[in-house]
PDB file of all heavy atoms in Angstrom:
ATOM      1  N   ILE A   1      89.409 153.612  76.157  1.00  0.00           N
ATOM      2  CA  ILE A   1      90.200 153.061  75.049  1.00  0.00           C
ATOM      3  C   ILE A   1      89.446 153.204  73.729  1.00  0.00           C
ATOM      4  O   ILE A   1      89.923 153.844  72.814  1.00  0.00           O
ATOM      5  CB  ILE A   1      90.555 151.574  75.263  1.00  0.00           C
ATOM      6  CG1 ILE A   1      91.453 151.410  76.468  1.00  0.00           C
ATOM      7  CG2 ILE A   1      91.228 150.995  74.031  1.00  0.00           C
ATOM      8  CD1 ILE A   1      91.796 149.975  76.761  1.00  0.00           C
ATOM      9  N   MET A   2      88.255 152.557  73.634  1.00  0.00           N
ATOM     10  CA  MET A   2      87.548 152.546  72.360  1.00  0.00           C
ATOM     11  C   MET A   2      86.052 152.364  72.565  1.00  0.00           C
ATOM     12  O   MET A   2      85.619 151.676  73.481  1.00  0.00           O
ATOM     13  CB  MET A   2      88.081 151.420  71.484  1.00  0.00           C
ATOM     14  CG  MET A   2      87.544 151.448  70.080  1.00  0.00           C
ATOM     15  SD  MET A   2      88.561 150.540  68.909  1.00  0.00           S
ATOM     16  CE  MET A   2      90.027 151.557  68.880  1.00  0.00           C
ATOM     17  N   ASP A   3      85.279 152.971  71.666  1.00  0.00           N
ATOM     18  CA  ASP A   3      83.821 152.879  71.687  1.00  0.00           C
ATOM     19  C   ASP A   3      83.369 152.051  70.491  1.00  0.00           C
ATOM     20  O   ASP A   3      83.542 152.474  69.347  1.00  0.00           O
ATOM     21  CB  ASP A   3      83.226 154.289  71.632  1.00  0.00           C
ATOM     22  CG  ASP A   3      81.727 154.314  71.816  1.00  0.00           C
ATOM     23  OD1 ASP A   3      81.125 153.234  72.011  1.00  0.00           O
ATOM     24  OD2 ASP A   3      81.146 155.400  71.756  1.00  0.00           O
ATOM     25  N   TYR A   4      82.837 150.866  70.755  1.00  0.00           N
ATOM     26  CA  TYR A   4      82.294 149.994  69.724  1.00  0.00           C
ATOM     27  C   TYR A   4      80.776 150.144  69.705  1.00  0.00           C
ATOM     28  O   TYR A   4      80.201 150.678  70.652  1.00  0.00           O
ATOM     29  CB  TYR A   4      82.646 148.531  70.023  1.00  0.00           C
ATOM     30  CG  TYR A   4      84.112 148.208  69.880  1.00  0.00           C
ATOM     31  CD1 TYR A   4      84.931 148.134  71.011  1.00  0.00           C
ATOM     32  CD2 TYR A   4      84.676 147.968  68.636  1.00  0.00           C
ATOM     33  CE1 TYR A   4      86.279 147.826  70.887  1.00  0.00           C
ATOM     34  CE2 TYR A   4      86.016 147.665  68.508  1.00  0.00           C
ATOM     35  CZ  TYR A   4      86.810 147.593  69.635  1.00  0.00           C
ATOM     36  OH  TYR A   4      88.138 147.291  69.510  1.00  0.00           O
ATOM     37  N   PRO A   5      80.092 149.646  68.655  1.00  0.00           N
ATOM     38  CA  PRO A   5      78.630 149.756  68.620  1.00  0.00           C
ATOM     39  C   PRO A   5      77.926 149.092  69.806  1.00  0.00           C
ATOM     40  O   PRO A   5      76.889 149.551  70.256  1.00  0.00           O
ATOM     41  CB  PRO A   5      78.242 149.059  67.309  1.00  0.00           C
ATOM     42  CG  PRO A   5      79.455 149.188  66.451  1.00  0.00           C
ATOM     43  CD  PRO A   5      80.627 149.117  67.400  1.00  0.00           C
ATOM     44  N   ASP A   6      78.492 148.003  70.337  1.00  0.00           N
ATOM     45  CA  ASP A   6      77.825 147.261  71.413  1.00  0.00           C
ATOM     46  C   ASP A   6      78.490 147.375  72.773  1.00  0.00           C
ATOM     47  O   ASP A   6      77.942 146.943  73.773  1.00  0.00           O
ATOM     48  CB  ASP A   6      77.717 145.786  71.040  1.00  0.00           C
ATOM     49  CG  ASP A   6      79.083 145.131  70.871  1.00  0.00           C
ATOM     50  OD1 ASP A   6      80.067 145.839  70.595  1.00  0.00           O
ATOM     51  OD2 ASP A   6      79.156 143.892  71.014  1.00  0.00           O
ATOM     52  N   ARG A   7      79.695 147.954  72.847  1.00  0.00           N
ATOM     53  CA  ARG A   7      80.405 148.039  74.124  1.00  0.00           C
ATOM     54  C   ARG A   7      81.434 149.164  74.110  1.00  0.00           C
ATOM     55  O   ARG A   7      81.776 149.687  73.070  1.00  0.00           O
ATOM     56  CB  ARG A   7      81.088 146.710  74.443  1.00  0.00           C
ATOM     57  CG  ARG A   7      82.205 146.365  73.486  1.00  0.00           C
ATOM     58  CD  ARG A   7      82.693 144.946  73.744  1.00  0.00           C
ATOM     59  NE  ARG A   7      83.771 144.593  72.865  1.00  0.00           N
ATOM     60  CZ  ARG A   7      83.645 144.162  71.620  1.00  0.00           C
ATOM     61  NH1 ARG A   7      82.455 144.037  71.094  1.00  0.00           N
ATOM     62  NH2 ARG A   7      84.696 143.857  70.902  1.00  0.00           N
ATOM     63  N   VAL A   8      81.913 149.502  75.306  1.00  0.00           N
ATOM     64  CA  VAL A   8      82.960 150.507  75.468  1.00  0.00           C
ATOM     65  C   VAL A   8      84.087 149.855  76.264  1.00  0.00           C
ATOM     66  O   VAL A   8      83.827 149.178  77.261  1.00  0.00           O
ATOM     67  CB  VAL A   8      82.443 151.749  76.229  1.00  0.00           C
ATOM     68  CG1 VAL A   8      83.523 152.808  76.326  1.00  0.00           C
ATOM     69  CG2 VAL A   8      81.206 152.317  75.554  1.00  0.00           C
ATOM     70  N   LEU A   9      85.321 150.041  75.827  1.00  0.00           N
ATOM     71  CA  LEU A   9      86.470 149.457  76.506  1.00  0.00           C
ATOM     72  C   LEU A   9      87.260 150.512  77.267  1.00  0.00           C
ATOM     73  O   LEU A   9      87.426 151.643  76.798  1.00  0.00           O
ATOM     74  CB  LEU A   9      87.411 148.782  75.502  1.00  0.00           C
ATOM     75  CG  LEU A   9      86.880 147.559  74.777  1.00  0.00           C
ATOM     76  CD1 LEU A   9      87.924 147.045  73.793  1.00  0.00           C
ATOM     77  CD2 LEU A   9      86.502 146.472  75.752  1.00  0.00           C
ATOM     78  N   PHE A  10      87.760 150.109  78.431  1.00  0.00           N
ATOM     79  CA  PHE A  10      88.575 150.967  79.286  1.00  0.00           C
ATOM     80  C   PHE A  10      89.733 150.155  79.848  1.00  0.00           C
ATOM     81  O   PHE A  10      89.662 148.927  79.914  1.00  0.00           O
ATOM     82  CB  PHE A  10      87.758 151.466  80.496  1.00  0.00           C
ATOM     83  CG  PHE A  10      86.572 152.281  80.146  1.00  0.00           C
ATOM     84  CD1 PHE A  10      85.345 151.679  79.937  1.00  0.00           C
ATOM     85  CD2 PHE A  10      86.672 153.656  80.038  1.00  0.00           C
ATOM     86  CE1 PHE A  10      84.231 152.435  79.620  1.00  0.00           C
ATOM     87  CE2 PHE A  10      85.566 154.418  79.722  1.00  0.00           C
ATOM     88  CZ  PHE A  10      84.350 153.810  79.512  1.00  0.00           C
ATOM     89  N   THR A  11      90.767 150.832  80.310  1.00  0.00           N
ATOM     90  CA  THR A  11      91.734 150.217  81.205  1.00  0.00           C
ATOM     91  C   THR A  11      91.450 150.801  82.575  1.00  0.00           C
ATOM     92  O   THR A  11      90.957 151.920  82.694  1.00  0.00           O
ATOM     93  CB  THR A  11      93.198 150.506  80.816  1.00  0.00           C
ATOM     94  OG1 THR A  11      93.406 151.911  80.794  1.00  0.00           O
ATOM     95  CG2 THR A  11      93.529 149.907  79.469  1.00  0.00           C
ATOM     96  N   ALA A  12      91.748 150.033  83.605  1.00  0.00           N
ATOM     97  CA  ALA A  12      91.496 150.496  84.975  1.00  0.00           C
ATOM     98  C   ALA A  12      92.284 149.630  85.943  1.00  0.00           C
ATOM     99  O   ALA A  12      92.842 148.602  85.566  1.00  0.00           O
ATOM    100  CB  ALA A  12      90.012 150.415  85.305  1.00  0.00           C
ATOM    101  N   THR A  13      92.310 150.061  87.181  1.00  0.00           N
ATOM    102  CA  THR A  13      92.856 149.246  88.255  1.00  0.00           C
ATOM    103  C   THR A  13      91.670 148.689  89.039  1.00  0.00           C
ATOM    104  O   THR A  13      90.841 149.444  89.530  1.00  0.00           O
ATOM    105  CB  THR A  13      93.770 150.081  89.175  1.00  0.00           C
ATOM    106  OG1 THR A  13      94.836 150.603  88.391  1.00  0.00           O
ATOM    107  CG2 THR A  13      94.329 149.239  90.288  1.00  0.00           C
ATOM    108  N   VAL A  14      91.592 147.352  89.103  1.00  0.00           N
ATOM    109  CA  VAL A  14      90.507 146.666  89.782  1.00  0.00           C
ATOM    110  C   VAL A  14      91.140 145.785  90.855  1.00  0.00           C
ATOM    111  O   VAL A  14      91.986 144.941  90.548  1.00  0.00           O
ATOM    112  CB  VAL A  14      89.678 145.802  88.805  1.00  0.00           C
ATOM    113  CG1 VAL A  14      88.568 145.078  89.528  1.00  0.00           C
ATOM    114  CG2 VAL A  14      89.134 146.657  87.674  1.00  0.00           C
ATOM    115  N   ASP A  15      90.747 145.985  92.096  1.00  0.00           N
ATOM    116  CA  ASP A  15      91.337 145.233  93.208  1.00  0.00           C
ATOM    117  C   ASP A  15      92.857 145.320  93.193  1.00  0.00           C
ATOM    118  O   ASP A  15      93.563 144.322  93.350  1.00  0.00           O
ATOM    119  CB  ASP A  15      90.887 143.765  93.176  1.00  0.00           C
ATOM    120  CG  ASP A  15      89.395 143.606  93.360  1.00  0.00           C
ATOM    121  OD1 ASP A  15      88.788 144.457  94.042  1.00  0.00           O
ATOM    122  OD2 ASP A  15      88.825 142.641  92.817  1.00  0.00           O
ATOM    123  N   GLU A  16      93.354 146.515  92.950  1.00  0.00           N
ATOM    124  CA  GLU A  16      94.792 146.826  92.952  1.00  0.00           C
ATOM    125  C   GLU A  16      95.583 146.081  91.874  1.00  0.00           C
ATOM    126  O   GLU A  16      96.779 145.853  92.010  1.00  0.00           O
ATOM    127  CB  GLU A  16      95.383 146.566  94.335  1.00  0.00           C
ATOM    128  CG  GLU A  16      94.757 147.437  95.403  1.00  0.00           C
ATOM    129  CD  GLU A  16      95.377 147.237  96.767  1.00  0.00           C
ATOM    130  OE1 GLU A  16      96.433 146.595  96.873  1.00  0.00           O
ATOM    131  OE2 GLU A  16      94.781 147.739  97.737  1.00  0.00           O
ATOM    132  N   ARG A  17      94.916 145.713  90.783  1.00  0.00           N
ATOM    133  CA  ARG A  17      95.613 145.080  89.672  1.00  0.00           C
ATOM    134  C   ARG A  17      95.127 145.695  88.361  1.00  0.00           C
ATOM    135  O   ARG A  17      93.962 146.075  88.244  1.00  0.00           O
ATOM    136  CB  ARG A  17      95.404 143.567  89.666  1.00  0.00           C
ATOM    137  CG  ARG A  17      93.952 143.154  89.513  1.00  0.00           C
ATOM    138  CD  ARG A  17      93.759 141.648  89.493  1.00  0.00           C
ATOM    139  NE  ARG A  17      92.366 141.284  89.560  1.00  0.00           N
ATOM    140  CZ  ARG A  17      91.490 141.342  88.555  1.00  0.00           C
ATOM    141  NH1 ARG A  17      91.877 141.773  87.372  1.00  0.00           N
ATOM    142  NH2 ARG A  17      90.232 140.988  88.716  1.00  0.00           N
ATOM    143  N   PRO A  18      96.001 145.812  87.357  1.00  0.00           N
ATOM    144  CA  PRO A  18      95.572 146.361  86.072  1.00  0.00           C
ATOM    145  C   PRO A  18      94.591 145.417  85.386  1.00  0.00           C
ATOM    146  O   PRO A  18      94.720 144.192  85.485  1.00  0.00           O
ATOM    147  CB  PRO A  18      96.871 146.486  85.272  1.00  0.00           C
ATOM    148  CG  PRO A  18      97.838 145.587  85.944  1.00  0.00           C
ATOM    149  CD  PRO A  18      97.406 145.450  87.366  1.00  0.00           C
ATOM    150  N   ALA A  19      93.610 146.006  84.722  1.00  0.00           N
ATOM    151  CA  ALA A  19      92.591 145.191  84.062  1.00  0.00           C
ATOM    152  C   ALA A  19      92.034 145.901  82.836  1.00  0.00           C
ATOM    153  O   ALA A  19      92.095 147.120  82.724  1.00  0.00           O
ATOM    154  CB  ALA A  19      91.455 144.890  85.027  1.00  0.00           C
ATOM    155  N   LEU A  20      91.499 145.100  81.937  1.00  0.00           N
ATOM    156  CA  LEU A  20      90.714 145.597  80.824  1.00  0.00           C
ATOM    157  C   LEU A  20      89.267 145.545  81.280  1.00  0.00           C
ATOM    158  O   LEU A  20      88.823 144.531  81.830  1.00  0.00           O
ATOM    159  CB  LEU A  20      90.920 144.714  79.589  1.00  0.00           C
ATOM    160  CG  LEU A  20      90.181 145.118  78.332  1.00  0.00           C
ATOM    161  CD1 LEU A  20      90.645 146.493  77.852  1.00  0.00           C
ATOM    162  CD2 LEU A  20      90.409 144.084  77.245  1.00  0.00           C
ATOM    163  N   VAL A  21      88.538 146.627  81.091  1.00  0.00           N
ATOM    164  CA  VAL A  21      87.150 146.722  81.547  1.00  0.00           C
ATOM    165  C   VAL A  21      86.256 146.980  80.342  1.00  0.00           C
ATOM    166  O   VAL A  21      86.582 147.803  79.489  1.00  0.00           O
ATOM    167  CB  VAL A  21      86.988 147.861  82.583  1.00  0.00           C
ATOM    168  CG1 VAL A  21      85.533 148.027  82.985  1.00  0.00           C
ATOM    169  CG2 VAL A  21      87.865 147.605  83.799  1.00  0.00           C
ATOM    170  N   THR A  22      85.147 146.265  80.259  1.00  0.00           N
ATOM    171  CA  THR A  22      84.195 146.484  79.177  1.00  0.00           C
ATOM    172  C   THR A  22      82.819 146.790  79.760  1.00  0.00           C
ATOM    173  O   THR A  22      82.401 146.186  80.745  1.00  0.00           O
ATOM    174  CB  THR A  22      84.134 145.281  78.209  1.00  0.00           C
ATOM    175  OG1 THR A  22      83.254 145.591  77.135  1.00  0.00           O
ATOM    176  CG2 THR A  22      83.676 144.019  78.883  1.00  0.00           C
ATOM    177  N   TYR A  23      82.148 147.754  79.141  1.00  0.00           N
ATOM    178  CA  TYR A  23      80.771 148.101  79.507  1.00  0.00           C
ATOM    179  C   TYR A  23      79.885 147.726  78.324  1.00  0.00           C
ATOM    180  O   TYR A  23      80.062 148.246  77.212  1.00  0.00           O
ATOM    181  CB  TYR A  23      80.659 149.596  79.804  1.00  0.00           C
ATOM    182  CG  TYR A  23      79.225 150.070  79.921  1.00  0.00           C
ATOM    183  CD1 TYR A  23      78.458 149.738  81.028  1.00  0.00           C
ATOM    184  CD2 TYR A  23      78.636 150.827  78.922  1.00  0.00           C
ATOM    185  CE1 TYR A  23      77.142 150.156  81.141  1.00  0.00           C
ATOM    186  CE2 TYR A  23      77.324 151.252  79.021  1.00  0.00           C
ATOM    187  CZ  TYR A  23      76.582 150.915  80.125  1.00  0.00           C
ATOM    188  OH  TYR A  23      75.282 151.318  80.228  1.00  0.00           O
ATOM    189  N   ASN A  24      78.959 146.798  78.529  1.00  0.00           N
ATOM    190  CA  ASN A  24      78.053 146.355  77.483  1.00  0.00           C
ATOM    191  C   ASN A  24      76.885 147.335  77.395  1.00  0.00           C
ATOM    192  O   ASN A  24      76.145 147.503  78.363  1.00  0.00           O
ATOM    193  CB  ASN A  24      77.566 144.933  77.779  1.00  0.00           C
ATOM    194  CG  ASN A  24      76.753 144.367  76.660  1.00  0.00           C
ATOM    195  OD1 ASN A  24      75.799 144.980  76.199  1.00  0.00           O
ATOM    196  ND2 ASN A  24      77.119 143.189  76.203  1.00  0.00           N
ATOM    197  N   LYS A  25      76.720 147.971  76.244  1.00  0.00           N
ATOM    198  CA  LYS A  25      75.679 148.994  76.070  1.00  0.00           C
ATOM    199  C   LYS A  25      74.260 148.424  76.102  1.00  0.00           C
ATOM    200  O   LYS A  25      73.331 149.125  76.474  1.00  0.00           O
ATOM    201  CB  LYS A  25      75.885 149.733  74.749  1.00  0.00           C
ATOM    202  CG  LYS A  25      77.137 150.560  74.701  1.00  0.00           C
ATOM    203  CD  LYS A  25      77.262 151.226  73.344  1.00  0.00           C
ATOM    204  CE  LYS A  25      78.529 152.014  73.211  1.00  0.00           C
ATOM    205  NZ  LYS A  25      78.626 152.635  71.879  1.00  0.00           N
ATOM    206  N   GLU A  26      74.099 147.176  75.705  1.00  0.00           N
ATOM    207  CA  GLU A  26      72.762 146.595  75.624  1.00  0.00           C
ATOM    208  C   GLU A  26      72.231 146.123  76.966  1.00  0.00           C
ATOM    209  O   GLU A  26      71.092 146.386  77.314  1.00  0.00           O
ATOM    210  CB  GLU A  26      72.754 145.461  74.611  1.00  0.00           C
ATOM    211  CG  GLU A  26      73.003 145.947  73.200  1.00  0.00           C
ATOM    212  CD  GLU A  26      73.116 144.811  72.200  1.00  0.00           C
ATOM    213  OE1 GLU A  26      72.824 143.649  72.556  1.00  0.00           O
ATOM    214  OE2 GLU A  26      73.501 145.089  71.062  1.00  0.00           O
ATOM    215  N   ASP A  27      73.043 145.383  77.726  1.00  0.00           N
ATOM    216  CA  ASP A  27      72.543 144.861  79.001  1.00  0.00           C
ATOM    217  C   ASP A  27      73.142 145.563  80.217  1.00  0.00           C
ATOM    218  O   ASP A  27      72.815 145.239  81.350  1.00  0.00           O
ATOM    219  CB  ASP A  27      72.738 143.346  79.102  1.00  0.00           C
ATOM    220  CG  ASP A  27      74.200 142.937  79.074  1.00  0.00           C
ATOM    221  OD1 ASP A  27      75.095 143.792  79.213  1.00  0.00           O
ATOM    222  OD2 ASP A  27      74.453 141.726  78.911  1.00  0.00           O
ATOM    223  N   HIS A  28      74.046 146.512  79.998  1.00  0.00           N
ATOM    224  CA  HIS A  28      74.611 147.390  81.036  1.00  0.00           C
ATOM    225  C   HIS A  28      75.514 146.691  82.046  1.00  0.00           C
ATOM    226  O   HIS A  28      75.801 147.235  83.096  1.00  0.00           O
ATOM    227  CB  HIS A  28      73.504 148.159  81.774  1.00  0.00           C
ATOM    228  CG  HIS A  28      72.577 148.861  80.847  1.00  0.00           C
ATOM    229  ND1 HIS A  28      72.937 149.995  80.159  1.00  0.00           N
ATOM    230  CD2 HIS A  28      71.310 148.571  80.468  1.00  0.00           C
ATOM    231  CE1 HIS A  28      71.922 150.387  79.404  1.00  0.00           C
ATOM    232  NE2 HIS A  28      70.933 149.530  79.571  1.00  0.00           N
ATOM    233  N   TRP A  29      76.002 145.484  81.729  1.00  0.00           N
ATOM    234  CA  TRP A  29      76.924 144.797  82.622  1.00  0.00           C
ATOM    235  C   TRP A  29      78.340 145.322  82.433  1.00  0.00           C
ATOM    236  O   TRP A  29      78.755 145.633  81.322  1.00  0.00           O
ATOM    237  CB  TRP A  29      76.920 143.289  82.371  1.00  0.00           C
ATOM    238  CG  TRP A  29      75.743 142.617  82.979  1.00  0.00           C
ATOM    239  CD1 TRP A  29      74.631 142.155  82.321  1.00  0.00           C
ATOM    240  CD2 TRP A  29      75.531 142.333  84.359  1.00  0.00           C
ATOM    241  NE1 TRP A  29      73.749 141.616  83.218  1.00  0.00           N
ATOM    242  CE2 TRP A  29      74.270 141.699  84.470  1.00  0.00           C
ATOM    243  CE3 TRP A  29      76.270 142.556  85.519  1.00  0.00           C
ATOM    244  CZ2 TRP A  29      73.745 141.287  85.691  1.00  0.00           C
ATOM    245  CZ3 TRP A  29      75.745 142.136  86.727  1.00  0.00           C
ATOM    246  CH2 TRP A  29      74.508 141.514  86.801  1.00  0.00           C
ATOM    247  N   VAL A  30      79.079 145.412  83.522  1.00  0.00           N
ATOM    248  CA  VAL A  30      80.488 145.794  83.494  1.00  0.00           C
ATOM    249  C   VAL A  30      81.293 144.537  83.818  1.00  0.00           C
ATOM    250  O   VAL A  30      81.046 143.871  84.822  1.00  0.00           O
ATOM    251  CB  VAL A  30      80.793 146.895  84.530  1.00  0.00           C
ATOM    252  CG1 VAL A  30      82.283 147.204  84.571  1.00  0.00           C
ATOM    253  CG2 VAL A  30      80.005 148.158  84.199  1.00  0.00           C
ATOM    254  N   LEU A  31      82.248 144.210  82.944  1.00  0.00           N
ATOM    255  CA  LEU A  31      83.097 143.040  83.113  1.00  0.00           C
ATOM    256  C   LEU A  31      84.547 143.488  83.167  1.00  0.00           C
ATOM    257  O   LEU A  31      84.908 144.503  82.576  1.00  0.00           O
ATOM    258  CB  LEU A  31      82.923 142.071  81.943  1.00  0.00           C
ATOM    259  CG  LEU A  31      81.501 141.665  81.569  1.00  0.00           C
ATOM    260  CD1 LEU A  31      81.513 140.838  80.293  1.00  0.00           C
ATOM    261  CD2 LEU A  31      80.860 140.887  82.692  1.00  0.00           C
ATOM    262  N   SER A  32      85.389 142.732  83.851  1.00  0.00           N
ATOM    263  CA  SER A  32      86.815 143.049  83.878  1.00  0.00           C
ATOM    264  C   SER A  32      87.631 141.782  83.669  1.00  0.00           C
ATOM    265  O   SER A  32      87.177 140.675  83.959  1.00  0.00           O
ATOM    266  CB  SER A  32      87.214 143.716  85.193  1.00  0.00           C
ATOM    267  OG  SER A  32      87.208 142.785  86.240  1.00  0.00           O
ATOM    268  N   LYS A  33      88.840 141.979  83.164  1.00  0.00           N
ATOM    269  CA  LYS A  33      89.732 140.858  82.908  1.00  0.00           C
ATOM    270  C   LYS A  33      91.152 141.309  83.192  1.00  0.00           C
ATOM    271  O   LYS A  33      91.648 142.254  82.582  1.00  0.00           O
ATOM    272  CB  LYS A  33      89.602 140.398  81.463  1.00  0.00           C
ATOM    273  CG  LYS A  33      90.448 139.209  81.120  1.00  0.00           C
ATOM    274  CD  LYS A  33      90.204 138.789  79.688  1.00  0.00           C
ATOM    275  CE  LYS A  33      91.085 137.597  79.378  1.00  0.00           C
ATOM    276  NZ  LYS A  33      90.999 137.226  77.981  1.00  0.00           N
ATOM    277  N   GLY A  34      91.810 140.658  84.141  1.00  0.00           N
ATOM    278  CA  GLY A  34      93.207 140.943  84.445  1.00  0.00           C
ATOM    279  C   GLY A  34      94.112 140.348  83.389  1.00  0.00           C
ATOM    280  O   GLY A  34      93.707 139.498  82.594  1.00  0.00           O
ATOM    281  N   GLU A  35      95.370 140.756  83.381  1.00  0.00           N
ATOM    282  CA  GLU A  35      96.280 140.333  82.325  1.00  0.00           C
ATOM    283  C   GLU A  35      96.565 138.828  82.324  1.00  0.00           C
ATOM    284  O   GLU A  35      96.904 138.271  81.294  1.00  0.00           O
ATOM    285  CB  GLU A  35      97.577 141.123  82.395  1.00  0.00           C
ATOM    286  CG  GLU A  35      98.269 141.085  83.741  1.00  0.00           C
ATOM    287  CD  GLU A  35      99.345 142.135  83.853  1.00  0.00           C
ATOM    288  OE1 GLU A  35      99.601 142.851  82.883  1.00  0.00           O
ATOM    289  OE2 GLU A  35      99.939 142.231  84.933  1.00  0.00           O
ATOM    290  N   ALA A  36      96.453 138.146  83.440  1.00  0.00           N
ATOM    291  CA  ALA A  36      96.728 136.708  83.485  1.00  0.00           C
ATOM    292  C   ALA A  36      95.452 135.868  83.503  1.00  0.00           C
ATOM    293  O   ALA A  36      95.517 134.644  83.597  1.00  0.00           O
ATOM    294  CB  ALA A  36      97.571 136.385  84.712  1.00  0.00           C
ATOM    295  N   GLN A  37      94.296 136.483  83.398  1.00  0.00           N
ATOM    296  CA  GLN A  37      93.029 135.761  83.461  1.00  0.00           C
ATOM    297  C   GLN A  37      92.602 135.259  82.092  1.00  0.00           C
ATOM    298  O   GLN A  37      92.806 135.931  81.084  1.00  0.00           O
ATOM    299  CB  GLN A  37      91.926 136.667  83.999  1.00  0.00           C
ATOM    300  CG  GLN A  37      92.041 136.983  85.464  1.00  0.00           C
ATOM    301  CD  GLN A  37      90.904 137.898  85.879  1.00  0.00           C
ATOM    302  OE1 GLN A  37      91.040 139.094  85.781  1.00  0.00           O
ATOM    303  NE2 GLN A  37      89.812 137.306  86.316  1.00  0.00           N
ATOM    304  N   MET A  38      91.974 134.086  82.071  1.00  0.00           N
ATOM    305  CA  MET A  38      91.429 133.552  80.826  1.00  0.00           C
ATOM    306  C   MET A  38      89.997 134.023  80.594  1.00  0.00           C
ATOM    307  O   MET A  38      89.561 134.155  79.460  1.00  0.00           O
ATOM    308  CB  MET A  38      91.451 132.030  80.846  1.00  0.00           C
ATOM    309  CG  MET A  38      92.837 131.436  80.785  1.00  0.00           C
ATOM    310  SD  MET A  38      92.780 129.644  80.709  1.00  0.00           S
ATOM    311  CE  MET A  38      92.018 129.364  79.132  1.00  0.00           C
ATOM    312  N   PHE A  39      89.253 134.248  81.687  1.00  0.00           N
ATOM    313  CA  PHE A  39      87.833 134.570  81.565  1.00  0.00           C
ATOM    314  C   PHE A  39      87.533 135.926  82.186  1.00  0.00           C
ATOM    315  O   PHE A  39      88.245 136.407  83.063  1.00  0.00           O
ATOM    316  CB  PHE A  39      86.986 133.490  82.249  1.00  0.00           C
ATOM    317  CG  PHE A  39      87.237 132.122  81.696  1.00  0.00           C
ATOM    318  CD1 PHE A  39      88.022 131.207  82.387  1.00  0.00           C
ATOM    319  CD2 PHE A  39      86.713 131.751  80.469  1.00  0.00           C
ATOM    320  CE1 PHE A  39      88.268 129.949  81.872  1.00  0.00           C
ATOM    321  CE2 PHE A  39      86.954 130.491  79.946  1.00  0.00           C
ATOM    322  CZ  PHE A  39      87.734 129.588  80.648  1.00  0.00           C
ATOM    323  N   TRP A  40      86.429 136.521  81.752  1.00  0.00           N
ATOM    324  CA  TRP A  40      85.990 137.806  82.274  1.00  0.00           C
ATOM    325  C   TRP A  40      85.318 137.623  83.631  1.00  0.00           C
ATOM    326  O   TRP A  40      84.595 136.653  83.838  1.00  0.00           O
ATOM    327  CB  TRP A  40      84.985 138.449  81.317  1.00  0.00           C
ATOM    328  CG  TRP A  40      85.604 138.898  80.039  1.00  0.00           C
ATOM    329  CD1 TRP A  40      85.745 138.149  78.906  1.00  0.00           C
ATOM    330  CD2 TRP A  40      86.164 140.176  79.751  1.00  0.00           C
ATOM    331  NE1 TRP A  40      86.357 138.894  77.936  1.00  0.00           N
ATOM    332  CE2 TRP A  40      86.623 140.137  78.421  1.00  0.00           C
ATOM    333  CE3 TRP A  40      86.321 141.345  80.478  1.00  0.00           C
ATOM    334  CZ2 TRP A  40      87.219 141.226  77.813  1.00  0.00           C
ATOM    335  CZ3 TRP A  40      86.921 142.427  79.869  1.00  0.00           C
ATOM    336  CH2 TRP A  40      87.357 142.369  78.557  1.00  0.00           C
ATOM    337  N   ASP A  41      85.543 138.558  84.543  1.00  0.00           N
ATOM    338  CA  ASP A  41      84.828 138.598  85.819  1.00  0.00           C
ATOM    339  C   ASP A  41      83.652 139.558  85.684  1.00  0.00           C
ATOM    340  O   ASP A  41      83.813 140.660  85.161  1.00  0.00           O
ATOM    341  CB  ASP A  41      85.716 139.131  86.949  1.00  0.00           C
ATOM    342  CG  ASP A  41      86.802 138.162  87.350  1.00  0.00           C
ATOM    343  OD1 ASP A  41      86.611 136.941  87.167  1.00  0.00           O
ATOM    344  OD2 ASP A  41      87.843 138.619  87.837  1.00  0.00           O
ATOM    345  N   VAL A  42      82.485 139.135  86.150  1.00  0.00           N
ATOM    346  CA  VAL A  42      81.335 140.027  86.169  1.00  0.00           C
ATOM    347  C   VAL A  42      81.483 140.924  87.396  1.00  0.00           C
ATOM    348  O   VAL A  42      81.587 140.438  88.517  1.00  0.00           O
ATOM    349  CB  VAL A  42      80.013 139.245  86.226  1.00  0.00           C
ATOM    350  CG1 VAL A  42      78.833 140.194  86.362  1.00  0.00           C
ATOM    351  CG2 VAL A  42      79.860 138.377  84.990  1.00  0.00           C
TER     352      VAL A  42
END
C-alpha cells in the first residue's frame, strides 16, 4: 500500500480474513489488524 519513513503498510489475508499489515522498519515487528479489531495483533 504505502512506504512511510518508519513503516510499510500492506493488505493481506491473515487466518483467512482480510487485514491491514504493518512492518516496522526500526524494530522489525509485523503487526496485523482485521477490519473489526480495535487493536493490532503482534
